[in-house]
Structure formats: structure tokens, C-alpha cells
Amino acid sequence: MLGIVLIVPVIMLTGASGFALSKVRRGLLVDSKRKRMPVIAANGMFILIPCAIVLDRWAATGDFFIVQGIELAVGTLTRTSQLGSVDIQFHIG
């Protein structure tokens, strides 16, 4: 639980700084990222964080495999969409 308390503000600051920097830049990469970020943020807030809290509580009993599977699937989806922007950036840049 301490990890969530520490990492969520850092992730929020990272997102805020990226949003602020994107105001002065234009282009396909920035527009694409701007469209994806609300979905990525919603996945984190409404799926990944609650799953992490449930997993933390269930870890002692060992009954957490279903929730862990959901968390891994959404995390993979989020990571895959982020990797797409890296691939585009390397091709353009």
C-alpha cells in the first residue's frame, strides 16, 4: 500500500509535465499521444490501482490469481499502447 501512495503522485506529476510540454508542440506524434493518454490514465485509476489494492489484501491468503490476471492484461494493454508511440517516434525522428 505504501508503494501506491508513493508512486501515484509521481505518475501524476509525470503526466502533468507531459501535458504541459505538449501545449507548445504540434504534430502527429503529440496528437496521437494526447488522444491515448485519457484511456491510459483511466485504466490506471479505475482498474490497475484497485486491482493492486485487492492484490495487496489477498496476497497473504494466496487467492489473488484472477485479479492478478486482470491487472496483467490491462497493464499489458497500457504498455502496448505506450510502446506504439515509441515506435512512431523512432520512425519519424
N, C-alpha and C. Protein backbone atom coordinates (compact mmCIF):
# COMPACT_ATOMS: atom_id res chain seq x y z
N MET A 1 0.82 -1.18 0.00
CA MET A 1 0.00 0.00 0.00
C MET A 1 0.88 1.26 0.00
N LEU A 2 1.99 1.19 0.67
CA LEU A 2 2.90 2.33 0.69
C LEU A 2 3.42 2.65 -0.70
N GLY A 3 3.65 1.61 -1.50
CA GLY A 3 4.13 1.82 -2.87
C GLY A 3 3.15 2.64 -3.69
N ILE A 4 1.84 2.36 -3.54
CA ILE A 4 0.82 3.11 -4.28
C ILE A 4 0.82 4.56 -3.83
N VAL A 5 0.91 4.76 -2.54
CA VAL A 5 0.91 6.13 -2.00
C VAL A 5 2.10 6.91 -2.52
N LEU A 6 3.22 6.25 -2.72
CA LEU A 6 4.41 6.94 -3.20
C LEU A 6 4.41 7.14 -4.72
N ILE A 7 3.95 6.14 -5.47
CA ILE A 7 4.11 6.21 -6.92
C ILE A 7 3.00 6.99 -7.63
N VAL A 8 1.78 7.00 -7.09
CA VAL A 8 0.69 7.70 -7.76
C VAL A 8 0.98 9.20 -7.94
N PRO A 9 1.44 9.91 -6.92
CA PRO A 9 1.76 11.33 -7.15
C PRO A 9 2.88 11.54 -8.17
N VAL A 10 3.85 10.65 -8.19
CA VAL A 10 4.95 10.76 -9.16
C VAL A 10 4.42 10.57 -10.58
N ILE A 11 3.53 9.59 -10.77
CA ILE A 11 2.94 9.36 -12.09
C ILE A 11 2.07 10.54 -12.50
N MET A 12 1.35 11.12 -11.55
CA MET A 12 0.52 12.29 -11.86
C MET A 12 1.39 13.47 -12.29
N LEU A 13 2.50 13.68 -11.62
CA LEU A 13 3.41 14.76 -11.99
C LEU A 13 4.02 14.53 -13.37
N THR A 14 4.33 13.29 -13.67
CA THR A 14 4.87 12.96 -14.99
C THR A 14 3.84 13.26 -16.07
N GLY A 15 2.60 12.86 -15.85
CA GLY A 15 1.54 13.16 -16.81
C GLY A 15 1.30 14.64 -16.97
N ALA A 16 1.31 15.36 -15.86
CA ALA A 16 1.09 16.82 -15.91
C ALA A 16 2.22 17.52 -16.66
N SER A 17 3.45 17.08 -16.44
CA SER A 17 4.56 17.72 -17.14
C SER A 17 4.50 17.41 -18.65
N GLY A 18 4.12 16.19 -18.99
CA GLY A 18 3.98 15.84 -20.40
C GLY A 18 2.87 16.64 -21.06
N PHE A 19 1.76 16.82 -20.35
CA PHE A 19 0.65 17.61 -20.88
C PHE A 19 1.07 19.06 -21.09
N ALA A 20 1.80 19.61 -20.12
CA ALA A 20 2.27 21.00 -20.24
C ALA A 20 3.23 21.16 -21.42
N LEU A 21 4.12 20.20 -21.59
CA LEU A 21 5.07 20.28 -22.71
C LEU A 21 4.37 20.11 -24.06
N SER A 22 3.27 19.36 -24.08
CA SER A 22 2.58 19.12 -25.36
C SER A 22 1.82 20.34 -25.84
N LYS A 23 1.61 21.32 -24.99
CA LYS A 23 0.89 22.53 -25.42
C LYS A 23 1.68 23.35 -26.42
N VAL A 24 3.00 23.27 -26.36
CA VAL A 24 3.82 24.08 -27.26
C VAL A 24 4.28 23.30 -28.48
N ARG A 25 3.94 21.99 -28.54
CA ARG A 25 4.36 21.17 -29.68
C ARG A 25 3.15 20.71 -30.46
N ARG A 26 3.32 20.52 -31.73
CA ARG A 26 2.26 20.03 -32.61
C ARG A 26 2.83 18.90 -33.46
N GLY A 27 1.94 18.10 -33.98
CA GLY A 27 2.38 17.04 -34.88
C GLY A 27 1.61 15.76 -34.63
N LEU A 28 1.81 14.80 -35.49
CA LEU A 28 1.11 13.52 -35.43
C LEU A 28 1.40 12.78 -34.13
N LEU A 29 2.65 12.74 -33.72
CA LEU A 29 3.03 12.03 -32.51
C LEU A 29 2.37 12.63 -31.28
N VAL A 30 2.42 13.95 -31.16
CA VAL A 30 1.84 14.62 -30.00
C VAL A 30 0.32 14.46 -29.99
N ASP A 31 -0.31 14.61 -31.14
CA ASP A 31 -1.77 14.46 -31.22
C ASP A 31 -2.20 13.04 -30.89
N SER A 32 -1.46 12.07 -31.38
CA SER A 32 -1.77 10.67 -31.10
C SER A 32 -1.64 10.37 -29.61
N LYS A 33 -0.59 10.85 -29.02
CA LYS A 33 -0.36 10.64 -27.59
C LYS A 33 -1.44 11.33 -26.76
N ARG A 34 -1.82 12.53 -27.15
CA ARG A 34 -2.85 13.29 -26.44
C ARG A 34 -4.18 12.54 -26.46
N LYS A 35 -4.48 11.83 -27.55
CA LYS A 35 -5.72 11.06 -27.64
C LYS A 35 -5.67 9.79 -26.78
N ARG A 36 -4.50 9.17 -26.66
CA ARG A 36 -4.38 7.92 -25.91
C ARG A 36 -4.30 8.12 -24.41
N MET A 37 -3.77 9.23 -23.96
CA MET A 37 -3.49 9.41 -22.54
C MET A 37 -4.72 9.33 -21.64
N PRO A 38 -5.89 9.87 -22.02
CA PRO A 38 -7.04 9.71 -21.12
C PRO A 38 -7.42 8.24 -20.90
N VAL A 39 -7.29 7.41 -21.92
CA VAL A 39 -7.60 5.98 -21.78
C VAL A 39 -6.58 5.31 -20.86
N ILE A 40 -5.32 5.65 -21.05
CA ILE A 40 -4.26 5.08 -20.21
C ILE A 40 -4.44 5.51 -18.76
N ALA A 41 -4.76 6.77 -18.53
CA ALA A 41 -4.98 7.26 -17.16
C ALA A 41 -6.19 6.60 -16.53
N ALA A 42 -7.27 6.43 -17.30
CA ALA A 42 -8.47 5.78 -16.77
C ALA A 42 -8.19 4.32 -16.42
N ASN A 43 -7.43 3.62 -17.26
CA ASN A 43 -7.04 2.23 -16.94
C ASN A 43 -6.31 2.17 -15.60
N GLY A 44 -5.40 3.10 -15.40
CA GLY A 44 -4.65 3.12 -14.15
C GLY A 44 -5.52 3.42 -12.95
N MET A 45 -6.36 4.42 -13.08
CA MET A 45 -7.18 4.85 -11.94
C MET A 45 -8.29 3.87 -11.59
N PHE A 46 -8.96 3.34 -12.60
CA PHE A 46 -10.16 2.55 -12.35
C PHE A 46 -9.94 1.04 -12.39
N ILE A 47 -8.81 0.59 -12.91
CA ILE A 47 -8.56 -0.85 -12.97
C ILE A 47 -7.28 -1.22 -12.24
N LEU A 48 -6.15 -0.61 -12.62
CA LEU A 48 -4.87 -1.05 -12.07
C LEU A 48 -4.70 -0.74 -10.58
N ILE A 49 -5.06 0.46 -10.15
CA ILE A 49 -4.90 0.80 -8.72
C ILE A 49 -5.84 -0.03 -7.85
N PRO A 50 -7.15 -0.15 -8.19
CA PRO A 50 -7.99 -1.02 -7.37
C PRO A 50 -7.52 -2.48 -7.35
N CYS A 51 -7.04 -2.98 -8.50
CA CYS A 51 -6.51 -4.34 -8.53
C CYS A 51 -5.29 -4.47 -7.61
N ALA A 52 -4.44 -3.49 -7.63
CA ALA A 52 -3.25 -3.54 -6.76
C ALA A 52 -3.65 -3.54 -5.29
N ILE A 53 -4.68 -2.78 -4.93
CA ILE A 53 -5.14 -2.75 -3.54
C ILE A 53 -5.72 -4.10 -3.15
N VAL A 54 -6.55 -4.69 -4.03
CA VAL A 54 -7.12 -6.01 -3.75
C VAL A 54 -6.02 -7.05 -3.67
N LEU A 55 -5.07 -7.01 -4.59
CA LEU A 55 -3.96 -7.97 -4.56
C LEU A 55 -3.15 -7.86 -3.28
N ASP A 56 -2.96 -6.64 -2.82
CA ASP A 56 -2.23 -6.42 -1.58
C ASP A 56 -2.94 -7.10 -0.42
N ARG A 57 -4.26 -6.98 -0.40
CA ARG A 57 -5.04 -7.59 0.69
C ARG A 57 -5.12 -9.10 0.56
N TRP A 58 -5.16 -9.61 -0.67
CA TRP A 58 -5.29 -11.05 -0.88
C TRP A 58 -3.95 -11.78 -0.91
N ALA A 59 -2.88 -11.07 -0.98
CA ALA A 59 -1.57 -11.71 -1.13
C ALA A 59 -1.26 -12.66 0.02
N ALA A 60 -1.69 -12.31 1.20
CA ALA A 60 -1.41 -13.16 2.36
C ALA A 60 -2.16 -14.48 2.30
N THR A 61 -3.33 -14.49 1.64
CA THR A 61 -4.13 -15.71 1.58
C THR A 61 -3.85 -16.54 0.33
N GLY A 62 -3.26 -15.95 -0.69
CA GLY A 62 -2.95 -16.66 -1.92
C GLY A 62 -4.12 -16.73 -2.90
N ASP A 63 -5.23 -16.05 -2.63
CA ASP A 63 -6.41 -16.08 -3.51
C ASP A 63 -6.47 -14.86 -4.43
N PHE A 64 -5.42 -14.61 -5.14
CA PHE A 64 -5.39 -13.39 -5.93
C PHE A 64 -5.12 -13.61 -7.41
N PHE A 65 -5.18 -14.81 -7.89
CA PHE A 65 -4.77 -15.09 -9.27
C PHE A 65 -5.71 -14.49 -10.32
N ILE A 66 -7.02 -14.45 -10.07
CA ILE A 66 -7.96 -13.87 -11.04
C ILE A 66 -7.72 -12.36 -11.16
N VAL A 67 -7.63 -11.69 -10.04
CA VAL A 67 -7.40 -10.24 -10.07
C VAL A 67 -6.02 -9.94 -10.66
N GLN A 68 -5.05 -10.75 -10.36
CA GLN A 68 -3.72 -10.54 -10.92
C GLN A 68 -3.75 -10.70 -12.44
N GLY A 69 -4.53 -11.64 -12.94
CA GLY A 69 -4.67 -11.82 -14.39
C GLY A 69 -5.29 -10.60 -15.05
N ILE A 70 -6.32 -10.03 -14.43
CA ILE A 70 -6.95 -8.80 -14.96
C ILE A 70 -5.94 -7.67 -14.97
N GLU A 71 -5.23 -7.52 -13.88
CA GLU A 71 -4.24 -6.45 -13.77
C GLU A 71 -3.14 -6.60 -14.82
N LEU A 72 -2.67 -7.80 -15.03
CA LEU A 72 -1.63 -8.03 -16.02
C LEU A 72 -2.14 -7.76 -17.44
N ALA A 73 -3.39 -8.14 -17.72
CA ALA A 73 -3.95 -7.91 -19.05
C ALA A 73 -4.08 -6.42 -19.33
N VAL A 74 -4.60 -5.65 -18.38
CA VAL A 74 -4.75 -4.21 -18.58
C VAL A 74 -3.40 -3.53 -18.62
N GLY A 75 -2.48 -3.96 -17.78
CA GLY A 75 -1.13 -3.41 -17.80
C GLY A 75 -0.44 -3.65 -19.13
N THR A 76 -0.65 -4.84 -19.69
CA THR A 76 -0.08 -5.15 -21.00
C THR A 76 -0.68 -4.27 -22.08
N LEU A 77 -2.01 -4.09 -22.03
CA LEU A 77 -2.68 -3.21 -22.99
C LEU A 77 -2.14 -1.79 -22.90
N THR A 78 -2.00 -1.29 -21.69
CA THR A 78 -1.48 0.06 -21.49
C THR A 78 -0.05 0.17 -22.00
N ARG A 79 0.76 -0.80 -21.68
CA ARG A 79 2.17 -0.77 -22.09
C ARG A 79 2.30 -0.88 -23.61
N THR A 80 1.44 -1.70 -24.21
CA THR A 80 1.47 -1.86 -25.66
C THR A 80 1.15 -0.55 -26.35
N SER A 81 0.16 0.18 -25.83
CA SER A 81 -0.19 1.46 -26.46
C SER A 81 0.93 2.48 -26.26
N GLN A 82 1.64 2.40 -25.16
CA GLN A 82 2.77 3.31 -24.94
C GLN A 82 3.93 2.96 -25.85
N LEU A 83 4.16 1.68 -26.09
CA LEU A 83 5.25 1.28 -26.98
C LEU A 83 4.99 1.70 -28.41
N GLY A 84 3.73 1.80 -28.79
CA GLY A 84 3.40 2.27 -30.13
C GLY A 84 3.90 3.68 -30.36
N SER A 85 3.84 4.52 -29.35
CA SER A 85 4.32 5.89 -29.52
C SER A 85 5.84 5.93 -29.63
N VAL A 86 6.53 5.03 -28.96
CA VAL A 86 7.99 4.97 -29.07
C VAL A 86 8.36 4.54 -30.47
N ASP A 87 7.67 3.53 -31.01
CA ASP A 87 7.95 3.06 -32.36
C ASP A 87 7.73 4.18 -33.39
N ILE A 88 6.65 4.93 -33.25
CA ILE A 88 6.37 6.04 -34.16
C ILE A 88 7.46 7.11 -34.04
N GLN A 89 7.87 7.37 -32.81
CA GLN A 89 8.88 8.40 -32.59
C GLN A 89 10.19 8.03 -33.27
N PHE A 90 10.60 6.76 -33.19
CA PHE A 90 11.84 6.37 -33.82
C PHE A 90 11.75 6.45 -35.34
N HIS A 91 10.59 6.14 -35.93
CA HIS A 91 10.45 6.21 -37.38
C HIS A 91 10.42 7.64 -37.88
N ILE A 92 9.81 8.55 -37.11
CA ILE A 92 9.72 9.95 -37.54
C ILE A 92 11.03 10.66 -37.29
N GLY A 93 11.59 10.44 -36.08
CA GLY A 93 12.78 11.16 -35.68
C GLY A 93 13.99 10.63 -36.32
